[in-house]
């Protein structure tokens, strides 16, 4: 059974930083492209960033330079470092394979950017 467990979210002021973690189990983690996704209130879930098995990264254009995705294949963890956070970054953040699998979605971690 695949489990993806996100953590590290919270309330942060604009301009602040957070580091999200996603611990994977039940899959051969190193074999998969992984992604971070987010869903803001009233909006559809969107892809934020991806990282290949060997560490090549992609980002949606609006986040490039502020967010950084990384992974530790030995620990089966994928990270999302988020800097210079803005109120519009408020969302529930999820990790999943890329492309995503419906049955892999976890609970996500809430990120709220507010003063």
PDB file of N, CA and C in Angstrom:
ATOM      1  N   UNK A   1       0.848  -1.192   0.000  1.00  0.00           N
ATOM      2  CA  UNK A   1       0.000   0.000   0.000  1.00  0.00           C
ATOM      3  C   UNK A   1       0.883   1.242   0.000  1.00  0.00           C
ATOM      4  N   UNK A   2       0.626   2.107  -0.968  1.00  0.00           N
ATOM      5  CA  UNK A   2       1.417   3.327  -1.080  1.00  0.00           C
ATOM      6  C   UNK A   2       0.914   4.373  -0.097  1.00  0.00           C
ATOM      7  N   UNK A   3       1.854   4.990   0.607  1.00  0.00           N
ATOM      8  CA  UNK A   3       1.523   6.107   1.489  1.00  0.00           C
ATOM      9  C   UNK A   3       2.468   7.268   1.212  1.00  0.00           C
ATOM     10  N   UNK A   4       1.878   8.429   1.026  1.00  0.00           N
ATOM     11  CA  UNK A   4       2.641   9.669   0.896  1.00  0.00           C
ATOM     12  C   UNK A   4       2.157  10.590   2.006  1.00  0.00           C
ATOM     13  N   UNK A   5       3.063  10.951   2.907  1.00  0.00           N
ATOM     14  CA  UNK A   5       2.693  11.726   4.084  1.00  0.00           C
ATOM     15  C   UNK A   5       3.431  13.057   4.058  1.00  0.00           C
ATOM     16  N   UNK A   6       2.629  14.120   3.893  1.00  0.00           N
ATOM     17  CA  UNK A   6       3.203  15.460   3.816  1.00  0.00           C
ATOM     18  C   UNK A   6       3.251  16.092   5.203  1.00  0.00           C
ATOM     19  N   UNK A   7       4.246  16.945   5.428  1.00  0.00           N
ATOM     20  CA  UNK A   7       4.373  17.660   6.697  1.00  0.00           C
ATOM     21  C   UNK A   7       5.144  18.949   6.467  1.00  0.00           C
ATOM     22  N   UNK A   8       5.124  19.804   7.476  1.00  0.00           N
ATOM     23  CA  UNK A   8       5.927  21.020   7.429  1.00  0.00           C
ATOM     24  C   UNK A   8       5.151  22.293   7.154  1.00  0.00           C
ATOM     25  N   UNK A   9       3.874  22.181   6.909  1.00  0.00           N
ATOM     26  CA  UNK A   9       3.080  23.368   6.659  1.00  0.00           C
ATOM     27  C   UNK A   9       2.832  24.170   7.929  1.00  0.00           C
ATOM     28  N   UNK A  10       2.169  25.310   7.744  1.00  0.00           N
ATOM     29  CA  UNK A  10       1.854  26.139   8.899  1.00  0.00           C
ATOM     30  C   UNK A  10       1.470  27.538   8.476  1.00  0.00           C
ATOM     31  N   UNK A  11       1.405  28.412   9.464  1.00  0.00           N
ATOM     32  CA  UNK A  11       1.086  29.819   9.243  1.00  0.00           C
ATOM     33  C   UNK A  11       2.393  30.608   9.199  1.00  0.00           C
ATOM     34  N   UNK A  12       2.560  31.400   8.157  1.00  0.00           N
ATOM     35  CA  UNK A  12       3.784  32.171   8.003  1.00  0.00           C
ATOM     36  C   UNK A  12       3.428  33.545   7.466  1.00  0.00           C
ATOM     37  N   UNK A  13       4.205  34.530   7.834  1.00  0.00           N
ATOM     38  CA  UNK A  13       3.975  35.884   7.350  1.00  0.00           C
ATOM     39  C   UNK A  13       4.489  36.033   5.914  1.00  0.00           C
ATOM     40  N   UNK A  14       3.923  36.964   5.173  1.00  0.00           N
ATOM     41  CA  UNK A  14       4.457  37.226   3.824  1.00  0.00           C
ATOM     42  C   UNK A  14       5.958  37.504   3.879  1.00  0.00           C
ATOM     43  N   UNK A  15       6.664  36.918   2.930  1.00  0.00           N
ATOM     44  CA  UNK A  15       8.112  37.037   2.904  1.00  0.00           C
ATOM     45  C   UNK A  15       8.832  35.942   3.651  1.00  0.00           C
ATOM     46  N   UNK A  16       8.087  35.137   4.398  1.00  0.00           N
ATOM     47  CA  UNK A  16       8.694  34.073   5.172  1.00  0.00           C
ATOM     48  C   UNK A  16       8.987  32.828   4.359  1.00  0.00           C
ATOM     49  N   UNK A  17       9.483  31.809   5.061  1.00  0.00           N
ATOM     50  CA  UNK A  17       9.883  30.560   4.411  1.00  0.00           C
ATOM     51  C   UNK A  17       9.310  29.366   5.153  1.00  0.00           C
ATOM     52  N   UNK A  18       9.120  28.294   4.409  1.00  0.00           N
ATOM     53  CA  UNK A  18       8.741  27.005   4.966  1.00  0.00           C
ATOM     54  C   UNK A  18       9.428  25.918   4.154  1.00  0.00           C
ATOM     55  N   UNK A  19       9.668  24.790   4.806  1.00  0.00           N
ATOM     56  CA  UNK A  19      10.187  23.619   4.100  1.00  0.00           C
ATOM     57  C   UNK A  19       9.223  22.471   4.312  1.00  0.00           C
ATOM     58  N   UNK A  20       8.640  22.017   3.238  1.00  0.00           N
ATOM     59  CA  UNK A  20       7.711  20.895   3.290  1.00  0.00           C
ATOM     60  C   UNK A  20       8.464  19.599   3.038  1.00  0.00           C
ATOM     61  N   UNK A  21       7.971  18.528   3.662  1.00  0.00           N
ATOM     62  CA  UNK A  21       8.535  17.200   3.454  1.00  0.00           C
ATOM     63  C   UNK A  21       7.423  16.245   3.060  1.00  0.00           C
ATOM     64  N   UNK A  22       7.779  15.251   2.287  1.00  0.00           N
ATOM     65  CA  UNK A  22       6.842  14.201   1.916  1.00  0.00           C
ATOM     66  C   UNK A  22       7.573  12.869   2.035  1.00  0.00           C
ATOM     67  N   UNK A  23       7.118  12.048   2.970  1.00  0.00           N
ATOM     68  CA  UNK A  23       7.714  10.736   3.179  1.00  0.00           C
ATOM     69  C   UNK A  23       6.915   9.681   2.428  1.00  0.00           C
ATOM     70  N   UNK A  24       7.597   8.899   1.618  1.00  0.00           N
ATOM     71  CA  UNK A  24       6.937   7.895   0.785  1.00  0.00           C
ATOM     72  C   UNK A  24       7.228   6.492   1.288  1.00  0.00           C
ATOM     73  N   UNK A  25       6.226   5.658   1.224  1.00  0.00           N
ATOM     74  CA  UNK A  25       6.396   4.241   1.529  1.00  0.00           C
ATOM     75  C   UNK A  25       5.512   3.438   0.602  1.00  0.00           C
ATOM     76  N   UNK A  26       5.888   2.179   0.399  1.00  0.00           N
ATOM     77  CA  UNK A  26       5.092   1.298  -0.450  1.00  0.00           C
ATOM     78  C   UNK A  26       5.388   1.407  -1.925  1.00  0.00           C
ATOM     79  N   UNK A  27       6.346   2.253  -2.301  1.00  0.00           N
ATOM     80  CA  UNK A  27       6.762   2.355  -3.700  1.00  0.00           C
ATOM     81  C   UNK A  27       8.286   2.323  -3.754  1.00  0.00           C
ATOM     82  N   UNK A  28       8.806   1.977  -4.929  1.00  0.00           N
ATOM     83  CA  UNK A  28      10.250   2.072  -5.128  1.00  0.00           C
ATOM     84  C   UNK A  28      10.514   3.521  -5.500  1.00  0.00           C
ATOM     85  N   UNK A  29      10.716   4.320  -4.486  1.00  0.00           N
ATOM     86  CA  UNK A  29      10.734   5.780  -4.604  1.00  0.00           C
ATOM     87  C   UNK A  29      11.697   6.256  -5.686  1.00  0.00           C
ATOM     88  N   UNK A  30      12.859   5.663  -5.732  1.00  0.00           N
ATOM     89  CA  UNK A  30      13.906   6.159  -6.641  1.00  0.00           C
ATOM     90  C   UNK A  30      13.554   5.947  -8.122  1.00  0.00           C
ATOM     91  N   UNK A  31      12.537   5.149  -8.383  1.00  0.00           N
ATOM     92  CA  UNK A  31      12.149   4.864  -9.755  1.00  0.00           C
ATOM     93  C   UNK A  31      11.167   5.879 -10.331  1.00  0.00           C
ATOM     94  N   UNK A  32      10.716   6.822  -9.504  1.00  0.00           N
ATOM     95  CA  UNK A  32       9.610   7.674  -9.919  1.00  0.00           C
ATOM     96  C   UNK A  32       9.975   9.150  -9.981  1.00  0.00           C
ATOM     97  N   UNK A  33       9.435   9.828 -11.007  1.00  0.00           N
ATOM     98  CA  UNK A  33       9.424  11.286 -10.986  1.00  0.00           C
ATOM     99  C   UNK A  33       8.408  11.699  -9.929  1.00  0.00           C
ATOM    100  N   UNK A  34       8.790  12.617  -9.082  1.00  0.00           N
ATOM    101  CA  UNK A  34       7.901  13.074  -8.009  1.00  0.00           C
ATOM    102  C   UNK A  34       7.522  14.529  -8.227  1.00  0.00           C
ATOM    103  N   UNK A  35       6.371  14.888  -7.696  1.00  0.00           N
ATOM    104  CA  UNK A  35       5.906  16.254  -7.859  1.00  0.00           C
ATOM    105  C   UNK A  35       5.274  16.794  -6.601  1.00  0.00           C
ATOM    106  N   UNK A  36       5.304  18.091  -6.473  1.00  0.00           N
ATOM    107  CA  UNK A  36       4.518  18.793  -5.466  1.00  0.00           C
ATOM    108  C   UNK A  36       3.385  19.500  -6.185  1.00  0.00           C
ATOM    109  N   UNK A  37       2.217  19.444  -5.566  1.00  0.00           N
ATOM    110  CA  UNK A  37       1.004  20.042  -6.094  1.00  0.00           C
ATOM    111  C   UNK A  37       0.398  20.896  -4.994  1.00  0.00           C
ATOM    112  N   UNK A  38      -0.507  21.793  -5.388  1.00  0.00           N
ATOM    113  CA  UNK A  38      -1.204  22.562  -4.365  1.00  0.00           C
ATOM    114  C   UNK A  38      -2.627  22.852  -4.826  1.00  0.00           C
ATOM    115  N   UNK A  39      -3.490  23.042  -3.837  1.00  0.00           N
ATOM    116  CA  UNK A  39      -4.880  23.395  -4.113  1.00  0.00           C
ATOM    117  C   UNK A  39      -5.275  24.543  -3.213  1.00  0.00           C
ATOM    118  N   UNK A  40      -5.497  25.684  -3.832  1.00  0.00           N
ATOM    119  CA  UNK A  40      -5.936  26.869  -3.100  1.00  0.00           C
ATOM    120  C   UNK A  40      -7.448  26.828  -2.933  1.00  0.00           C
ATOM    121  N   UNK A  41      -7.967  27.539  -1.954  1.00  0.00           N
ATOM    122  CA  UNK A  41      -9.417  27.553  -1.734  1.00  0.00           C
ATOM    123  C   UNK A  41     -10.172  27.963  -2.994  1.00  0.00           C
ATOM    124  N   UNK A  42     -11.137  27.155  -3.377  1.00  0.00           N
ATOM    125  CA  UNK A  42     -11.969  27.466  -4.529  1.00  0.00           C
ATOM    126  C   UNK A  42     -11.327  27.238  -5.874  1.00  0.00           C
ATOM    127  N   UNK A  43     -10.127  26.649  -5.881  1.00  0.00           N
ATOM    128  CA  UNK A  43      -9.421  26.440  -7.147  1.00  0.00           C
ATOM    129  C   UNK A  43      -9.090  24.964  -7.339  1.00  0.00           C
ATOM    130  N   UNK A  44      -8.765  24.616  -8.572  1.00  0.00           N
ATOM    131  CA  UNK A  44      -8.358  23.249  -8.856  1.00  0.00           C
ATOM    132  C   UNK A  44      -6.931  23.013  -8.391  1.00  0.00           C
ATOM    133  N   UNK A  45      -6.634  21.755  -8.114  1.00  0.00           N
ATOM    134  CA  UNK A  45      -5.273  21.404  -7.748  1.00  0.00           C
ATOM    135  C   UNK A  45      -4.366  21.636  -8.939  1.00  0.00           C
ATOM    136  N   UNK A  46      -3.177  22.181  -8.663  1.00  0.00           N
ATOM    137  CA  UNK A  46      -2.233  22.464  -9.730  1.00  0.00           C
ATOM    138  C   UNK A  46      -0.856  21.910  -9.387  1.00  0.00           C
ATOM    139  N   UNK A  47      -0.124  21.584 -10.436  1.00  0.00           N
ATOM    140  CA  UNK A  47       1.251  21.122 -10.273  1.00  0.00           C
ATOM    141  C   UNK A  47       2.141  22.317  -9.954  1.00  0.00           C
ATOM    142  N   UNK A  48       3.018  22.143  -8.976  1.00  0.00           N
ATOM    143  CA  UNK A  48       3.923  23.212  -8.563  1.00  0.00           C
ATOM    144  C   UNK A  48       5.341  22.969  -9.099  1.00  0.00           C
ATOM    145  N   UNK A  49       5.833  21.760  -8.899  1.00  0.00           N
ATOM    146  CA  UNK A  49       7.215  21.444  -9.272  1.00  0.00           C
ATOM    147  C   UNK A  49       7.354  19.940  -9.423  1.00  0.00           C
ATOM    148  N   UNK A  50       8.343  19.539 -10.226  1.00  0.00           N
ATOM    149  CA  UNK A  50       8.653  18.122 -10.365  1.00  0.00           C
ATOM    150  C   UNK A  50      10.157  17.910 -10.229  1.00  0.00           C
ATOM    151  N   UNK A  51      10.516  16.685  -9.905  1.00  0.00           N
ATOM    152  CA  UNK A  51      11.919  16.312  -9.837  1.00  0.00           C
ATOM    153  C   UNK A  51      12.057  14.894 -10.357  1.00  0.00           C
ATOM    154  N   UNK A  52      13.000  14.705 -11.276  1.00  0.00           N
ATOM    155  CA  UNK A  52      13.207  13.382 -11.839  1.00  0.00           C
ATOM    156  C   UNK A  52      13.988  12.500 -10.873  1.00  0.00           C
ATOM    157  N   UNK A  53      14.134  11.243 -11.287  1.00  0.00           N
ATOM    158  CA  UNK A  53      14.851  10.282 -10.448  1.00  0.00           C
ATOM    159  C   UNK A  53      16.286  10.742 -10.168  1.00  0.00           C
ATOM    160  N   UNK A  54      16.861  11.491 -11.090  1.00  0.00           N
ATOM    161  CA  UNK A  54      18.253  11.923 -10.944  1.00  0.00           C
ATOM    162  C   UNK A  54      18.386  13.392 -10.556  1.00  0.00           C
ATOM    163  N   UNK A  55      17.267  14.048 -10.259  1.00  0.00           N
ATOM    164  CA  UNK A  55      17.345  15.386  -9.688  1.00  0.00           C
ATOM    165  C   UNK A  55      17.093  16.548 -10.623  1.00  0.00           C
ATOM    166  N   UNK A  56      16.695  16.301 -11.852  1.00  0.00           N
ATOM    167  CA  UNK A  56      16.331  17.403 -12.737  1.00  0.00           C
ATOM    168  C   UNK A  56      14.979  17.969 -12.317  1.00  0.00           C
ATOM    169  N   UNK A  57      14.921  19.285 -12.203  1.00  0.00           N
ATOM    170  CA  UNK A  57      13.729  19.915 -11.648  1.00  0.00           C
ATOM    171  C   UNK A  57      13.015  20.799 -12.681  1.00  0.00           C
ATOM    172  N   UNK A  58      11.715  20.933 -12.494  1.00  0.00           N
ATOM    173  CA  UNK A  58      10.911  21.883 -13.266  1.00  0.00           C
ATOM    174  C   UNK A  58       9.967  22.583 -12.307  1.00  0.00           C
ATOM    175  N   UNK A  59       9.567  23.795 -12.676  1.00  0.00           N
ATOM    176  CA  UNK A  59       8.672  24.598 -11.842  1.00  0.00           C
ATOM    177  C   UNK A  59       7.677  25.325 -12.741  1.00  0.00           C
ATOM    178  N   UNK A  60       6.500  25.638 -12.156  1.00  0.00           N
ATOM    179  CA  UNK A  60       5.641  26.543 -12.889  1.00  0.00           C
ATOM    180  C   UNK A  60       6.305  27.906 -12.879  1.00  0.00           C
ATOM    181  N   UNK A  61       6.097  28.657 -13.933  1.00  0.00           N
ATOM    182  CA  UNK A  61       6.868  29.874 -14.166  1.00  0.00           C
ATOM    183  C   UNK A  61       6.767  30.867 -13.009  1.00  0.00           C
ATOM    184  N   UNK A  62       5.612  30.972 -12.419  1.00  0.00           N
ATOM    185  CA  UNK A  62       5.403  31.983 -11.387  1.00  0.00           C
ATOM    186  C   UNK A  62       6.163  31.688 -10.100  1.00  0.00           C
ATOM    187  N   UNK A  63       6.641  30.449  -9.956  1.00  0.00           N
ATOM    188  CA  UNK A  63       7.312  30.069  -8.713  1.00  0.00           C
ATOM    189  C   UNK A  63       8.819  29.947  -8.859  1.00  0.00           C
ATOM    190  N   UNK A  64       9.277  29.940 -10.097  1.00  0.00           N
ATOM    191  CA  UNK A  64      10.711  29.739 -10.321  1.00  0.00           C
ATOM    192  C   UNK A  64      11.496  30.819  -9.600  1.00  0.00           C
ATOM    193  N   UNK A  65      12.512  30.376  -8.841  1.00  0.00           N
ATOM    194  CA  UNK A  65      13.329  31.312  -8.085  1.00  0.00           C
ATOM    195  C   UNK A  65      12.907  31.453  -6.636  1.00  0.00           C
ATOM    196  N   UNK A  66      11.678  31.099  -6.323  1.00  0.00           N
ATOM    197  CA  UNK A  66      11.218  31.173  -4.936  1.00  0.00           C
ATOM    198  C   UNK A  66      11.120  29.797  -4.294  1.00  0.00           C
ATOM    199  N   UNK A  67      10.756  28.812  -5.063  1.00  0.00           N
ATOM    200  CA  UNK A  67      10.588  27.455  -4.541  1.00  0.00           C
ATOM    201  C   UNK A  67      11.709  26.553  -5.073  1.00  0.00           C
ATOM    202  N   UNK A  68      12.053  25.552  -4.290  1.00  0.00           N
ATOM    203  CA  UNK A  68      13.061  24.585  -4.709  1.00  0.00           C
ATOM    204  C   UNK A  68      12.644  23.192  -4.265  1.00  0.00           C
ATOM    205  N   UNK A  69      12.552  22.292  -5.229  1.00  0.00           N
ATOM    206  CA  UNK A  69      12.211  20.901  -4.931  1.00  0.00           C
ATOM    207  C   UNK A  69      13.494  20.093  -4.882  1.00  0.00           C
ATOM    208  N   UNK A  70      13.542  19.137  -3.963  1.00  0.00           N
ATOM    209  CA  UNK A  70      14.693  18.255  -3.857  1.00  0.00           C
ATOM    210  C   UNK A  70      14.219  16.901  -3.349  1.00  0.00           C
ATOM    211  N   UNK A  71      15.101  15.931  -3.396  1.00  0.00           N
ATOM    212  CA  UNK A  71      14.708  14.598  -2.942  1.00  0.00           C
ATOM    213  C   UNK A  71      15.907  13.893  -2.330  1.00  0.00           C
ATOM    214  N   UNK A  72      15.595  12.942  -1.461  1.00  0.00           N
ATOM    215  CA  UNK A  72      16.586  12.077  -0.847  1.00  0.00           C
ATOM    216  C   UNK A  72      16.140  10.645  -1.127  1.00  0.00           C
ATOM    217  N   UNK A  73      16.749  10.028  -2.115  1.00  0.00           N
ATOM    218  CA  UNK A  73      16.323   8.678  -2.511  1.00  0.00           C
ATOM    219  C   UNK A  73      16.665   7.624  -1.457  1.00  0.00           C
ATOM    220  N   UNK A  74      17.632   7.907  -0.634  1.00  0.00           N
ATOM    221  CA  UNK A  74      17.986   6.953   0.426  1.00  0.00           C
ATOM    222  C   UNK A  74      16.936   6.947   1.541  1.00  0.00           C
ATOM    223  N   UNK A  75      16.321   8.113   1.759  1.00  0.00           N
ATOM    224  CA  UNK A  75      15.329   8.242   2.830  1.00  0.00           C
ATOM    225  C   UNK A  75      13.896   8.230   2.312  1.00  0.00           C
ATOM    226  N   UNK A  76      13.728   8.159   0.979  1.00  0.00           N
ATOM    227  CA  UNK A  76      12.390   8.163   0.378  1.00  0.00           C
ATOM    228  C   UNK A  76      11.609   9.424   0.741  1.00  0.00           C
ATOM    229  N   UNK A  77      12.265  10.559   0.635  1.00  0.00           N
ATOM    230  CA  UNK A  77      11.633  11.827   0.984  1.00  0.00           C
ATOM    231  C   UNK A  77      11.837  12.832  -0.146  1.00  0.00           C
ATOM    232  N   UNK A  78      10.794  13.586  -0.406  1.00  0.00           N
ATOM    233  CA  UNK A  78      10.893  14.714  -1.345  1.00  0.00           C
ATOM    234  C   UNK A  78      10.554  15.979  -0.567  1.00  0.00           C
ATOM    235  N   UNK A  79      11.279  17.036  -0.855  1.00  0.00           N
ATOM    236  CA  UNK A  79      11.151  18.284  -0.114  1.00  0.00           C
ATOM    237  C   UNK A  79      10.692  19.417  -1.040  1.00  0.00           C
ATOM    238  N   UNK A  80      10.099  20.431  -0.429  1.00  0.00           N
ATOM    239  CA  UNK A  80       9.809  21.670  -1.145  1.00  0.00           C
ATOM    240  C   UNK A  80      10.198  22.826  -0.240  1.00  0.00           C
ATOM    241  N   UNK A  81      11.272  23.498  -0.591  1.00  0.00           N
ATOM    242  CA  UNK A  81      11.693  24.704   0.123  1.00  0.00           C
ATOM    243  C   UNK A  81      10.975  25.882  -0.505  1.00  0.00           C
ATOM    244  N   UNK A  82      10.262  26.623   0.307  1.00  0.00           N
ATOM    245  CA  UNK A  82       9.475  27.747  -0.172  1.00  0.00           C
ATOM    246  C   UNK A  82       9.965  29.023   0.490  1.00  0.00           C
ATOM    247  N   UNK A  83      10.413  29.960  -0.312  1.00  0.00           N
ATOM    248  CA  UNK A  83      10.933  31.228   0.184  1.00  0.00           C
ATOM    249  C   UNK A  83      10.103  32.382  -0.360  1.00  0.00           C
ATOM    250  N   UNK A  84      10.253  33.530   0.263  1.00  0.00           N
ATOM    251  CA  UNK A  84       9.549  34.746  -0.183  1.00  0.00           C
ATOM    252  C   UNK A  84       8.064  34.465  -0.392  1.00  0.00           C
ATOM    253  N   UNK A  85       7.463  33.831   0.574  1.00  0.00           N
ATOM    254  CA  UNK A  85       6.072  33.403   0.435  1.00  0.00           C
ATOM    255  C   UNK A  85       5.127  34.592   0.332  1.00  0.00           C
ATOM    256  N   UNK A  86       4.089  34.390  -0.463  1.00  0.00           N
ATOM    257  CA  UNK A  86       3.082  35.427  -0.717  1.00  0.00           C
ATOM    258  C   UNK A  86       1.713  34.893  -0.298  1.00  0.00           C
ATOM    259  N   UNK A  87       0.774  35.784  -0.004  1.00  0.00           N
ATOM    260  CA  UNK A  87      -0.572  35.319   0.356  1.00  0.00           C
ATOM    261  C   UNK A  87      -1.173  34.382  -0.690  1.00  0.00           C
ATOM    262  N   UNK A  88      -0.860  34.590  -1.951  1.00  0.00           N
ATOM    263  CA  UNK A  88      -1.419  33.743  -3.001  1.00  0.00           C
ATOM    264  C   UNK A  88      -0.811  32.337  -3.016  1.00  0.00           C
ATOM    265  N   UNK A  89       0.202  32.090  -2.185  1.00  0.00           N
ATOM    266  CA  UNK A  89       0.746  30.752  -2.039  1.00  0.00           C
ATOM    267  C   UNK A  89      -0.065  29.923  -1.039  1.00  0.00           C
ATOM    268  N   UNK A  90      -1.023  30.551  -0.378  1.00  0.00           N
ATOM    269  CA  UNK A  90      -1.867  29.835   0.574  1.00  0.00           C
ATOM    270  C   UNK A  90      -2.620  28.714  -0.127  1.00  0.00           C
ATOM    271  N   UNK A  91      -2.469  27.506   0.390  1.00  0.00           N
ATOM    272  CA  UNK A  91      -3.061  26.330  -0.242  1.00  0.00           C
ATOM    273  C   UNK A  91      -2.747  25.107   0.611  1.00  0.00           C
ATOM    274  N   UNK A  92      -3.399  24.003   0.274  1.00  0.00           N
ATOM    275  CA  UNK A  92      -2.981  22.710   0.785  1.00  0.00           C
ATOM    276  C   UNK A  92      -1.991  22.142  -0.221  1.00  0.00           C
ATOM    277  N   UNK A  93      -0.842  21.719   0.273  1.00  0.00           N
ATOM    278  CA  UNK A  93       0.225  21.211  -0.582  1.00  0.00           C
ATOM    279  C   UNK A  93       0.285  19.688  -0.459  1.00  0.00           C
ATOM    280  N   UNK A  94       0.404  19.052  -1.613  1.00  0.00           N
ATOM    281  CA  UNK A  94       0.435  17.600  -1.700  1.00  0.00           C
ATOM    282  C   UNK A  94       1.660  17.157  -2.508  1.00  0.00           C
ATOM    283  N   UNK A  95       2.118  15.957  -2.228  1.00  0.00           N
ATOM    284  CA  UNK A  95       3.086  15.340  -3.132  1.00  0.00           C
ATOM    285  C   UNK A  95       2.417  14.131  -3.792  1.00  0.00           C
ATOM    286  N   UNK A  96       2.966  13.735  -4.919  1.00  0.00           N
ATOM    287  CA  UNK A  96       2.465  12.588  -5.670  1.00  0.00           C
ATOM    288  C   UNK A  96       3.506  12.293  -6.733  1.00  0.00           C
ATOM    289  N   UNK A  97       3.315  11.168  -7.411  1.00  0.00           N
ATOM    290  CA  UNK A  97       4.126  10.931  -8.602  1.00  0.00           C
ATOM    291  C   UNK A  97       3.771  12.001  -9.634  1.00  0.00           C
ATOM    292  N   UNK A  98       4.642  12.066 -10.654  1.00  0.00           N
ATOM    293  CA  UNK A  98       4.285  12.839 -11.818  1.00  0.00           C
ATOM    294  C   UNK A  98       4.433  11.943 -13.038  1.00  0.00           C
ATOM    295  N   UNK A  99       3.347  11.747 -13.801  1.00  0.00           N
ATOM    296  CA  UNK A  99       1.977  12.215 -13.572  1.00  0.00           C
ATOM    297  C   UNK A  99       1.392  11.617 -12.301  1.00  0.00           C
ATOM    298  N   UNK A 100       0.432  12.297 -11.749  1.00  0.00           N
ATOM    299  CA  UNK A 100      -0.130  11.861 -10.471  1.00  0.00           C
ATOM    300  C   UNK A 100      -0.991  10.622 -10.637  1.00  0.00           C
ATOM    301  N   UNK A 101      -1.141   9.921  -9.539  1.00  0.00           N
ATOM    302  CA  UNK A 101      -2.062   8.788  -9.466  1.00  0.00           C
ATOM    303  C   UNK A 101      -3.128   9.113  -8.439  1.00  0.00           C
ATOM    304  N   UNK A 102      -4.361   8.891  -8.818  1.00  0.00           N
ATOM    305  CA  UNK A 102      -5.493   9.222  -7.948  1.00  0.00           C
ATOM    306  C   UNK A 102      -5.381   8.536  -6.598  1.00  0.00           C
ATOM    307  N   UNK A 103      -4.907   7.286  -6.609  1.00  0.00           N
ATOM    308  CA  UNK A 103      -4.886   6.516  -5.370  1.00  0.00           C
ATOM    309  C   UNK A 103      -3.665   6.815  -4.510  1.00  0.00           C
ATOM    310  N   UNK A 104      -2.829   7.743  -4.931  1.00  0.00           N
ATOM    311  CA  UNK A 104      -1.639   8.101  -4.150  1.00  0.00           C
ATOM    312  C   UNK A 104      -1.812   9.389  -3.345  1.00  0.00           C
ATOM    313  N   UNK A 105      -2.914  10.112  -3.532  1.00  0.00           N
ATOM    314  CA  UNK A 105      -3.047  11.377  -2.818  1.00  0.00           C
ATOM    315  C   UNK A 105      -3.112  11.144  -1.316  1.00  0.00           C
ATOM    316  N   UNK A 106      -2.348  11.945  -0.574  1.00  0.00           N
ATOM    317  CA  UNK A 106      -2.398  11.916   0.883  1.00  0.00           C
ATOM    318  C   UNK A 106      -3.276  13.035   1.398  1.00  0.00           C
ATOM    319  N   UNK A 107      -3.093  13.367   2.666  1.00  0.00           N
ATOM    320  CA  UNK A 107      -3.917  14.403   3.290  1.00  0.00           C
ATOM    321  C   UNK A 107      -3.430  15.806   2.979  1.00  0.00           C
ATOM    322  N   UNK A 108      -2.189  15.910   2.575  1.00  0.00           N
ATOM    323  CA  UNK A 108      -1.650  17.223   2.300  1.00  0.00           C
ATOM    324  C   UNK A 108      -1.241  17.958   3.570  1.00  0.00           C
ATOM    325  N   UNK A 109      -0.618  19.100   3.376  1.00  0.00           N
ATOM    326  CA  UNK A 109      -0.230  19.952   4.504  1.00  0.00           C
ATOM    327  C   UNK A 109      -0.623  21.393   4.175  1.00  0.00           C
ATOM    328  N   UNK A 110      -1.282  22.023   5.133  1.00  0.00           N
ATOM    329  CA  UNK A 110      -1.822  23.369   4.905  1.00  0.00           C
ATOM    330  C   UNK A 110      -0.726  24.410   5.063  1.00  0.00           C
ATOM    331  N   UNK A 111      -0.626  25.281   4.081  1.00  0.00           N
ATOM    332  CA  UNK A 111       0.259  26.440   4.148  1.00  0.00           C
ATOM    333  C   UNK A 111      -0.611  27.688   4.080  1.00  0.00           C
ATOM    334  N   UNK A 112      -0.480  28.531   5.078  1.00  0.00           N
ATOM    335  CA  UNK A 112      -1.233  29.782   5.120  1.00  0.00           C
ATOM    336  C   UNK A 112      -0.256  30.936   5.237  1.00  0.00           C
ATOM    337  N   UNK A 113      -0.322  31.843   4.288  1.00  0.00           N
ATOM    338  CA  UNK A 113       0.562  33.007   4.283  1.00  0.00           C
ATOM    339  C   UNK A 113      -0.291  34.231   4.577  1.00  0.00           C
ATOM    340  N   UNK A 114      -0.092  34.791   5.751  1.00  0.00           N
ATOM    341  CA  UNK A 114      -0.925  35.898   6.186  1.00  0.00           C
ATOM    342  C   UNK A 114      -0.210  36.689   7.256  1.00  0.00           C
ATOM    343  N   UNK A 115      -0.487  37.996   7.273  1.00  0.00           N
ATOM    344  CA  UNK A 115       0.074  38.832   8.332  1.00  0.00           C
ATOM    345  C   UNK A 115      -0.938  38.959   9.481  1.00  0.00           C
TER     346      UNK A 115
END
